[in-house]
Amino acid sequence: MARKKAAVDFEQSLTELQSLVERLENGEMSLEDSLTAFEQGIRLTRDCQAALAQAEQKVSLLLERNGELEEAPFDADKQA
C-alpha cells in the first residue's frame, strides 16, 4: 500500500506543480502571491525529486545480481 501512496503523492505533486507554473506564467498574480506560489513550487519540486531518487534506488536494487549492479539500457519502445 505504501508504494501506491508514494506514486499517488508524486503524481499529485507533479500536477500541483504544473498548475502553479501555469498560474505564474499567466502573470496575473500579485507579487506576494507569486512569491508564495514560488515557495510552494520549490517544495513540490523537492518532493518530486526525492520520490524520483527513491524510485531510482529501488530500480538499482532490483537490477543488482550476485552483489554487482547489472546495468541494462532502457528501451521505452519495448516497455510499451
PDB file of N, CA and C in Angstrom:
ATOM      1  N   MET A   1       0.820  -1.192   0.000  1.00  0.00           N
ATOM      2  CA  MET A   1       0.000   0.000   0.000  1.00  0.00           C
ATOM      3  C   MET A   1       0.862   1.253   0.000  1.00  0.00           C
ATOM      4  N   ALA A   2       2.016   1.231   0.649  1.00  0.00           N
ATOM      5  CA  ALA A   2       2.877   2.404   0.725  1.00  0.00           C
ATOM      6  C   ALA A   2       3.401   2.790  -0.656  1.00  0.00           C
ATOM      7  N   ARG A   3       3.700   1.811  -1.503  1.00  0.00           N
ATOM      8  CA  ARG A   3       4.197   2.110  -2.840  1.00  0.00           C
ATOM      9  C   ARG A   3       3.160   2.872  -3.653  1.00  0.00           C
ATOM     10  N   LYS A   4       1.912   2.446  -3.563  1.00  0.00           N
ATOM     11  CA  LYS A   4       0.846   3.104  -4.314  1.00  0.00           C
ATOM     12  C   LYS A   4       0.655   4.535  -3.808  1.00  0.00           C
ATOM     13  N   LYS A   5       0.741   4.734  -2.500  1.00  0.00           N
ATOM     14  CA  LYS A   5       0.596   6.067  -1.914  1.00  0.00           C
ATOM     15  C   LYS A   5       1.708   6.978  -2.401  1.00  0.00           C
ATOM     16  N   ALA A   6       2.947   6.478  -2.464  1.00  0.00           N
ATOM     17  CA  ALA A   6       4.072   7.284  -2.934  1.00  0.00           C
ATOM     18  C   ALA A   6       3.866   7.688  -4.390  1.00  0.00           C
ATOM     19  N   ALA A   7       3.370   6.768  -5.217  1.00  0.00           N
ATOM     20  CA  ALA A   7       3.125   7.082  -6.623  1.00  0.00           C
ATOM     21  C   ALA A   7       2.036   8.142  -6.750  1.00  0.00           C
ATOM     22  N   VAL A   8       0.988   8.023  -5.958  1.00  0.00           N
ATOM     23  CA  VAL A   8      -0.092   8.998  -5.990  1.00  0.00           C
ATOM     24  C   VAL A   8       0.431  10.348  -5.527  1.00  0.00           C
ATOM     25  N   ASP A   9       1.233  10.373  -4.479  1.00  0.00           N
ATOM     26  CA  ASP A   9       1.791  11.627  -3.987  1.00  0.00           C
ATOM     27  C   ASP A   9       2.668  12.287  -5.041  1.00  0.00           C
ATOM     28  N   PHE A  10       3.461  11.497  -5.760  1.00  0.00           N
ATOM     29  CA  PHE A  10       4.308  12.043  -6.818  1.00  0.00           C
ATOM     30  C   PHE A  10       3.441  12.650  -7.911  1.00  0.00           C
ATOM     31  N   GLU A  11       2.457  11.895  -8.366  1.00  0.00           N
ATOM     32  CA  GLU A  11       1.589  12.380  -9.440  1.00  0.00           C
ATOM     33  C   GLU A  11       0.826  13.631  -8.994  1.00  0.00           C
ATOM     34  N   GLN A  12       0.349  13.627  -7.772  1.00  0.00           N
ATOM     35  CA  GLN A  12      -0.385  14.780  -7.251  1.00  0.00           C
ATOM     36  C   GLN A  12       0.540  15.989  -7.140  1.00  0.00           C
ATOM     37  N   SER A  13       1.750  15.781  -6.638  1.00  0.00           N
ATOM     38  CA  SER A  13       2.709  16.879  -6.520  1.00  0.00           C
ATOM     39  C   SER A  13       3.068  17.437  -7.893  1.00  0.00           C
ATOM     40  N   LEU A  14       3.261  16.566  -8.852  1.00  0.00           N
ATOM     41  CA  LEU A  14       3.607  16.999 -10.203  1.00  0.00           C
ATOM     42  C   LEU A  14       2.462  17.798 -10.828  1.00  0.00           C
ATOM     43  N   THR A  15       1.241  17.337 -10.625  1.00  0.00           N
ATOM     44  CA  THR A  15       0.069  18.044 -11.145  1.00  0.00           C
ATOM     45  C   THR A  15      -0.048  19.426 -10.510  1.00  0.00           C
ATOM     46  N   GLU A  16       0.148  19.494  -9.191  1.00  0.00           N
ATOM     47  CA  GLU A  16       0.095  20.779  -8.495  1.00  0.00           C
ATOM     48  C   GLU A  16       1.193  21.715  -8.992  1.00  0.00           C
ATOM     49  N   LEU A  17       2.377  21.162  -9.209  1.00  0.00           N
ATOM     50  CA  LEU A  17       3.496  21.955  -9.709  1.00  0.00           C
ATOM     51  C   LEU A  17       3.189  22.513 -11.095  1.00  0.00           C
ATOM     52  N   GLN A  18       2.643  21.704 -11.963  1.00  0.00           N
ATOM     53  CA  GLN A  18       2.281  22.171 -13.305  1.00  0.00           C
ATOM     54  C   GLN A  18       1.242  23.286 -13.231  1.00  0.00           C
ATOM     55  N   SER A  19       0.288  23.149 -12.338  1.00  0.00           N
ATOM     56  CA  SER A  19      -0.736  24.170 -12.161  1.00  0.00           C
ATOM     57  C   SER A  19      -0.118  25.480 -11.671  1.00  0.00           C
ATOM     58  N   LEU A  20       0.798  25.373 -10.721  1.00  0.00           N
ATOM     59  CA  LEU A  20       1.469  26.574 -10.214  1.00  0.00           C
ATOM     60  C   LEU A  20       2.258  27.283 -11.312  1.00  0.00           C
ATOM     61  N   VAL A  21       2.963  26.515 -12.110  1.00  0.00           N
ATOM     62  CA  VAL A  21       3.752  27.093 -13.202  1.00  0.00           C
ATOM     63  C   VAL A  21       2.838  27.834 -14.173  1.00  0.00           C
ATOM     64  N   GLU A  22       1.718  27.230 -14.510  1.00  0.00           N
ATOM     65  CA  GLU A  22       0.772  27.878 -15.419  1.00  0.00           C
ATOM     66  C   GLU A  22       0.260  29.184 -14.835  1.00  0.00           C
ATOM     67  N   ARG A  23      -0.076  29.173 -13.543  1.00  0.00           N
ATOM     68  CA  ARG A  23      -0.565  30.400 -12.897  1.00  0.00           C
ATOM     69  C   ARG A  23       0.521  31.467 -12.862  1.00  0.00           C
ATOM     70  N   LEU A  24       1.761  31.064 -12.592  1.00  0.00           N
ATOM     71  CA  LEU A  24       2.856  32.031 -12.565  1.00  0.00           C
ATOM     72  C   LEU A  24       3.132  32.593 -13.959  1.00  0.00           C
ATOM     73  N   GLU A  25       3.090  31.736 -14.966  1.00  0.00           N
ATOM     74  CA  GLU A  25       3.335  32.178 -16.332  1.00  0.00           C
ATOM     75  C   GLU A  25       2.237  33.100 -16.838  1.00  0.00           C
ATOM     76  N   ASN A  26       1.041  32.937 -16.307  1.00  0.00           N
ATOM     77  CA  ASN A  26      -0.089  33.776 -16.700  1.00  0.00           C
ATOM     78  C   ASN A  26       0.177  35.242 -16.332  1.00  0.00           C
ATOM     79  N   GLY A  27       0.904  35.468 -15.249  1.00  0.00           N
ATOM     80  CA  GLY A  27       1.313  36.814 -14.865  1.00  0.00           C
ATOM     81  C   GLY A  27       0.242  37.672 -14.225  1.00  0.00           C
ATOM     82  N   GLU A  28      -0.854  37.093 -13.819  1.00  0.00           N
ATOM     83  CA  GLU A  28      -1.934  37.881 -13.233  1.00  0.00           C
ATOM     84  C   GLU A  28      -1.945  37.847 -11.706  1.00  0.00           C
ATOM     85  N   MET A  29      -0.938  37.236 -11.096  1.00  0.00           N
ATOM     86  CA  MET A  29      -0.870  37.151  -9.638  1.00  0.00           C
ATOM     87  C   MET A  29      -0.100  38.358  -9.099  1.00  0.00           C
ATOM     88  N   SER A  30      -0.442  38.743  -7.881  1.00  0.00           N
ATOM     89  CA  SER A  30       0.314  39.812  -7.231  1.00  0.00           C
ATOM     90  C   SER A  30       1.720  39.305  -6.901  1.00  0.00           C
ATOM     91  N   LEU A  31       2.599  40.222  -6.588  1.00  0.00           N
ATOM     92  CA  LEU A  31       3.968  39.839  -6.254  1.00  0.00           C
ATOM     93  C   LEU A  31       3.983  38.909  -5.044  1.00  0.00           C
ATOM     94  N   GLU A  32       3.211  39.237  -4.028  1.00  0.00           N
ATOM     95  CA  GLU A  32       3.174  38.402  -2.817  1.00  0.00           C
ATOM     96  C   GLU A  32       2.633  37.009  -3.119  1.00  0.00           C
ATOM     97  N   ASP A  33       1.568  36.941  -3.908  1.00  0.00           N
ATOM     98  CA  ASP A  33       1.001  35.643  -4.279  1.00  0.00           C
ATOM     99  C   ASP A  33       1.984  34.847  -5.141  1.00  0.00           C
ATOM    100  N   SER A  34       2.705  35.546  -6.012  1.00  0.00           N
ATOM    101  CA  SER A  34       3.703  34.888  -6.854  1.00  0.00           C
ATOM    102  C   SER A  34       4.826  34.291  -6.010  1.00  0.00           C
ATOM    103  N   LEU A  35       5.268  35.034  -5.012  1.00  0.00           N
ATOM    104  CA  LEU A  35       6.327  34.524  -4.126  1.00  0.00           C
ATOM    105  C   LEU A  35       5.853  33.317  -3.335  1.00  0.00           C
ATOM    106  N   THR A  36       4.626  33.370  -2.849  1.00  0.00           N
ATOM    107  CA  THR A  36       4.061  32.234  -2.113  1.00  0.00           C
ATOM    108  C   THR A  36       3.950  31.013  -3.023  1.00  0.00           C
ATOM    109  N   ALA A  37       3.490  31.230  -4.252  1.00  0.00           N
ATOM    110  CA  ALA A  37       3.374  30.131  -5.207  1.00  0.00           C
ATOM    111  C   ALA A  37       4.756  29.584  -5.552  1.00  0.00           C
ATOM    112  N   PHE A  38       5.742  30.468  -5.695  1.00  0.00           N
ATOM    113  CA  PHE A  38       7.101  30.034  -5.992  1.00  0.00           C
ATOM    114  C   PHE A  38       7.651  29.162  -4.868  1.00  0.00           C
ATOM    115  N   GLU A  39       7.443  29.583  -3.629  1.00  0.00           N
ATOM    116  CA  GLU A  39       7.893  28.793  -2.475  1.00  0.00           C
ATOM    117  C   GLU A  39       7.234  27.419  -2.469  1.00  0.00           C
ATOM    118  N   GLN A  40       5.950  27.394  -2.745  1.00  0.00           N
ATOM    119  CA  GLN A  40       5.234  26.114  -2.789  1.00  0.00           C
ATOM    120  C   GLN A  40       5.784  25.257  -3.933  1.00  0.00           C
ATOM    121  N   GLY A  41       6.093  25.882  -5.055  1.00  0.00           N
ATOM    122  CA  GLY A  41       6.653  25.162  -6.187  1.00  0.00           C
ATOM    123  C   GLY A  41       8.006  24.541  -5.858  1.00  0.00           C
ATOM    124  N   ILE A  42       8.816  25.263  -5.114  1.00  0.00           N
ATOM    125  CA  ILE A  42      10.121  24.733  -4.693  1.00  0.00           C
ATOM    126  C   ILE A  42       9.922  23.498  -3.816  1.00  0.00           C
ATOM    127  N   ARG A  43       8.978  23.564  -2.888  1.00  0.00           N
ATOM    128  CA  ARG A  43       8.700  22.401  -2.018  1.00  0.00           C
ATOM    129  C   ARG A  43       8.224  21.211  -2.849  1.00  0.00           C
ATOM    130  N   LEU A  44       7.322  21.463  -3.781  1.00  0.00           N
ATOM    131  CA  LEU A  44       6.805  20.385  -4.623  1.00  0.00           C
ATOM    132  C   LEU A  44       7.908  19.789  -5.489  1.00  0.00           C
ATOM    133  N   THR A  45       8.789  20.641  -6.004  1.00  0.00           N
ATOM    134  CA  THR A  45       9.911  20.164  -6.816  1.00  0.00           C
ATOM    135  C   THR A  45      10.808  19.257  -6.001  1.00  0.00           C
ATOM    136  N   ARG A  46      11.105  19.656  -4.783  1.00  0.00           N
ATOM    137  CA  ARG A  46      11.952  18.829  -3.920  1.00  0.00           C
ATOM    138  C   ARG A  46      11.279  17.510  -3.579  1.00  0.00           C
ATOM    139  N   ASP A  47       9.970  17.540  -3.352  1.00  0.00           N
ATOM    140  CA  ASP A  47       9.232  16.299  -3.083  1.00  0.00           C
ATOM    141  C   ASP A  47       9.303  15.359  -4.287  1.00  0.00           C
ATOM    142  N   CYS A  48       9.123  15.911  -5.485  1.00  0.00           N
ATOM    143  CA  CYS A  48       9.188  15.096  -6.701  1.00  0.00           C
ATOM    144  C   CYS A  48      10.591  14.535  -6.905  1.00  0.00           C
ATOM    145  N   GLN A  49      11.615  15.355  -6.675  1.00  0.00           N
ATOM    146  CA  GLN A  49      12.987  14.889  -6.831  1.00  0.00           C
ATOM    147  C   GLN A  49      13.300  13.764  -5.847  1.00  0.00           C
ATOM    148  N   ALA A  50      12.808  13.886  -4.623  1.00  0.00           N
ATOM    149  CA  ALA A  50      13.040  12.845  -3.617  1.00  0.00           C
ATOM    150  C   ALA A  50      12.346  11.548  -4.024  1.00  0.00           C
ATOM    151  N   ALA A  51      11.118  11.660  -4.534  1.00  0.00           N
ATOM    152  CA  ALA A  51      10.383  10.465  -4.967  1.00  0.00           C
ATOM    153  C   ALA A  51      11.093   9.796  -6.139  1.00  0.00           C
ATOM    154  N   LEU A  52      11.621  10.588  -7.062  1.00  0.00           N
ATOM    155  CA  LEU A  52      12.337  10.022  -8.203  1.00  0.00           C
ATOM    156  C   LEU A  52      13.646   9.368  -7.764  1.00  0.00           C
ATOM    157  N   ALA A  53      14.340   9.979  -6.827  1.00  0.00           N
ATOM    158  CA  ALA A  53      15.586   9.400  -6.320  1.00  0.00           C
ATOM    159  C   ALA A  53      15.310   8.069  -5.630  1.00  0.00           C
ATOM    160  N   GLN A  54      14.224   8.014  -4.871  1.00  0.00           N
ATOM    161  CA  GLN A  54      13.853   6.773  -4.188  1.00  0.00           C
ATOM    162  C   GLN A  54      13.502   5.692  -5.210  1.00  0.00           C
ATOM    163  N   ALA A  55      12.789   6.061  -6.251  1.00  0.00           N
ATOM    164  CA  ALA A  55      12.442   5.092  -7.289  1.00  0.00           C
ATOM    165  C   ALA A  55      13.700   4.594  -7.999  1.00  0.00           C
ATOM    166  N   GLU A  56      14.647   5.483  -8.243  1.00  0.00           N
ATOM    167  CA  GLU A  56      15.903   5.085  -8.888  1.00  0.00           C
ATOM    168  C   GLU A  56      16.674   4.098  -8.021  1.00  0.00           C
ATOM    169  N   GLN A  57      16.676   4.323  -6.704  1.00  0.00           N
ATOM    170  CA  GLN A  57      17.352   3.396  -5.798  1.00  0.00           C
ATOM    171  C   GLN A  57      16.690   2.027  -5.837  1.00  0.00           C
ATOM    172  N   LYS A  58      15.371   2.002  -5.872  1.00  0.00           N
ATOM    173  CA  LYS A  58      14.658   0.733  -5.929  1.00  0.00           C
ATOM    174  C   LYS A  58      14.973  -0.014  -7.214  1.00  0.00           C
ATOM    175  N   VAL A  59      15.034   0.711  -8.319  1.00  0.00           N
ATOM    176  CA  VAL A  59      15.364   0.076  -9.603  1.00  0.00           C
ATOM    177  C   VAL A  59      16.772  -0.490  -9.542  1.00  0.00           C
ATOM    178  N   SER A  60      17.702   0.260  -8.976  1.00  0.00           N
ATOM    179  CA  SER A  60      19.079  -0.223  -8.858  1.00  0.00           C
ATOM    180  C   SER A  60      19.139  -1.501  -8.036  1.00  0.00           C
ATOM    181  N   LEU A  61      18.391  -1.554  -6.949  1.00  0.00           N
ATOM    182  CA  LEU A  61      18.365  -2.761  -6.121  1.00  0.00           C
ATOM    183  C   LEU A  61      17.788  -3.943  -6.890  1.00  0.00           C
ATOM    184  N   LEU A  62      16.782  -3.685  -7.682  1.00  0.00           N
ATOM    185  CA  LEU A  62      16.165  -4.761  -8.450  1.00  0.00           C
ATOM    186  C   LEU A  62      17.089  -5.280  -9.539  1.00  0.00           C
ATOM    187  N   LEU A  63      17.962  -4.428 -10.055  1.00  0.00           N
ATOM    188  CA  LEU A  63      18.879  -4.838 -11.116  1.00  0.00           C
ATOM    189  C   LEU A  63      20.139  -5.494 -10.579  1.00  0.00           C
ATOM    190  N   GLU A  64      20.354  -5.425  -9.269  1.00  0.00           N
ATOM    191  CA  GLU A  64      21.580  -5.969  -8.688  1.00  0.00           C
ATOM    192  C   GLU A  64      21.550  -7.496  -8.737  1.00  0.00           C
ATOM    193  N   ARG A  65      22.619  -8.068  -9.233  1.00  0.00           N
ATOM    194  CA  ARG A  65      22.729  -9.526  -9.343  1.00  0.00           C
ATOM    195  C   ARG A  65      24.077  -9.958  -8.782  1.00  0.00           C
ATOM    196  N   ASN A  66      24.073 -10.950  -7.927  1.00  0.00           N
ATOM    197  CA  ASN A  66      25.306 -11.503  -7.351  1.00  0.00           C
ATOM    198  C   ASN A  66      26.207 -10.429  -6.746  1.00  0.00           C
ATOM    199  N   GLY A  67      25.606  -9.466  -6.089  1.00  0.00           N
ATOM    200  CA  GLY A  67      26.377  -8.426  -5.428  1.00  0.00           C
ATOM    201  C   GLY A  67      26.908  -7.353  -6.353  1.00  0.00           C
ATOM    202  N   GLU A  68      26.626  -7.450  -7.643  1.00  0.00           N
ATOM    203  CA  GLU A  68      27.091  -6.447  -8.593  1.00  0.00           C
ATOM    204  C   GLU A  68      25.903  -5.887  -9.365  1.00  0.00           C
ATOM    205  N   LEU A  69      26.008  -4.619  -9.666  1.00  0.00           N
ATOM    206  CA  LEU A  69      24.940  -3.963 -10.396  1.00  0.00           C
ATOM    207  C   LEU A  69      25.082  -4.257 -11.879  1.00  0.00           C
ATOM    208  N   GLU A  70      24.021  -4.767 -12.439  1.00  0.00           N
ATOM    209  CA  GLU A  70      23.997  -5.019 -13.886  1.00  0.00           C
ATOM    210  C   GLU A  70      23.214  -3.895 -14.535  1.00  0.00           C
ATOM    211  N   GLU A  71      23.900  -3.096 -15.307  1.00  0.00           N
ATOM    212  CA  GLU A  71      23.203  -2.018 -15.988  1.00  0.00           C
ATOM    213  C   GLU A  71      22.578  -2.547 -17.273  1.00  0.00           C
ATOM    214  N   ALA A  72      21.363  -2.130 -17.505  1.00  0.00           N
ATOM    215  CA  ALA A  72      20.651  -2.525 -18.710  1.00  0.00           C
ATOM    216  C   ALA A  72      20.050  -1.276 -19.333  1.00  0.00           C
ATOM    217  N   PRO A  73      20.191  -1.128 -20.637  1.00  0.00           N
ATOM    218  CA  PRO A  73      19.631   0.066 -21.279  1.00  0.00           C
ATOM    219  C   PRO A  73      18.114   0.039 -21.208  1.00  0.00           C
ATOM    220  N   PHE A  74      17.539   1.204 -21.049  1.00  0.00           N
ATOM    221  CA  PHE A  74      16.091   1.335 -21.012  1.00  0.00           C
ATOM    222  C   PHE A  74      15.601   1.598 -22.432  1.00  0.00           C
ATOM    223  N   ASP A  75      14.720   0.755 -22.896  1.00  0.00           N
ATOM    224  CA  ASP A  75      14.143   0.927 -24.219  1.00  0.00           C
ATOM    225  C   ASP A  75      12.649   1.155 -24.054  1.00  0.00           C
ATOM    226  N   ALA A  76      12.222   2.397 -24.176  1.00  0.00           N
ATOM    227  CA  ALA A  76      10.825   2.749 -23.940  1.00  0.00           C
ATOM    228  C   ALA A  76       9.897   2.021 -24.904  1.00  0.00           C
ATOM    229  N   ASP A  77      10.351   1.762 -26.116  1.00  0.00           N
ATOM    230  CA  ASP A  77       9.511   1.070 -27.088  1.00  0.00           C
ATOM    231  C   ASP A  77       9.166  -0.347 -26.654  1.00  0.00           C
ATOM    232  N   LYS A  78      10.122  -1.018 -26.012  1.00  0.00           N
ATOM    233  CA  LYS A  78       9.876  -2.391 -25.544  1.00  0.00           C
ATOM    234  C   LYS A  78       8.979  -2.411 -24.318  1.00  0.00           C
ATOM    235  N   GLN A  79       8.966  -1.309 -23.533  1.00  0.00           N
ATOM    236  CA  GLN A  79       8.179  -1.250 -22.318  1.00  0.00           C
ATOM    237  C   GLN A  79       6.702  -0.999 -22.603  1.00  0.00           C
ATOM    238  N   ALA A  80       6.389  -0.409 -23.722  1.00  0.00           N
ATOM    239  CA  ALA A  80       5.011  -0.042 -24.042  1.00  0.00           C
ATOM    240  C   ALA A  80       4.152  -1.203 -24.425  1.00  0.00           C
TER     241      ALA A  80
END
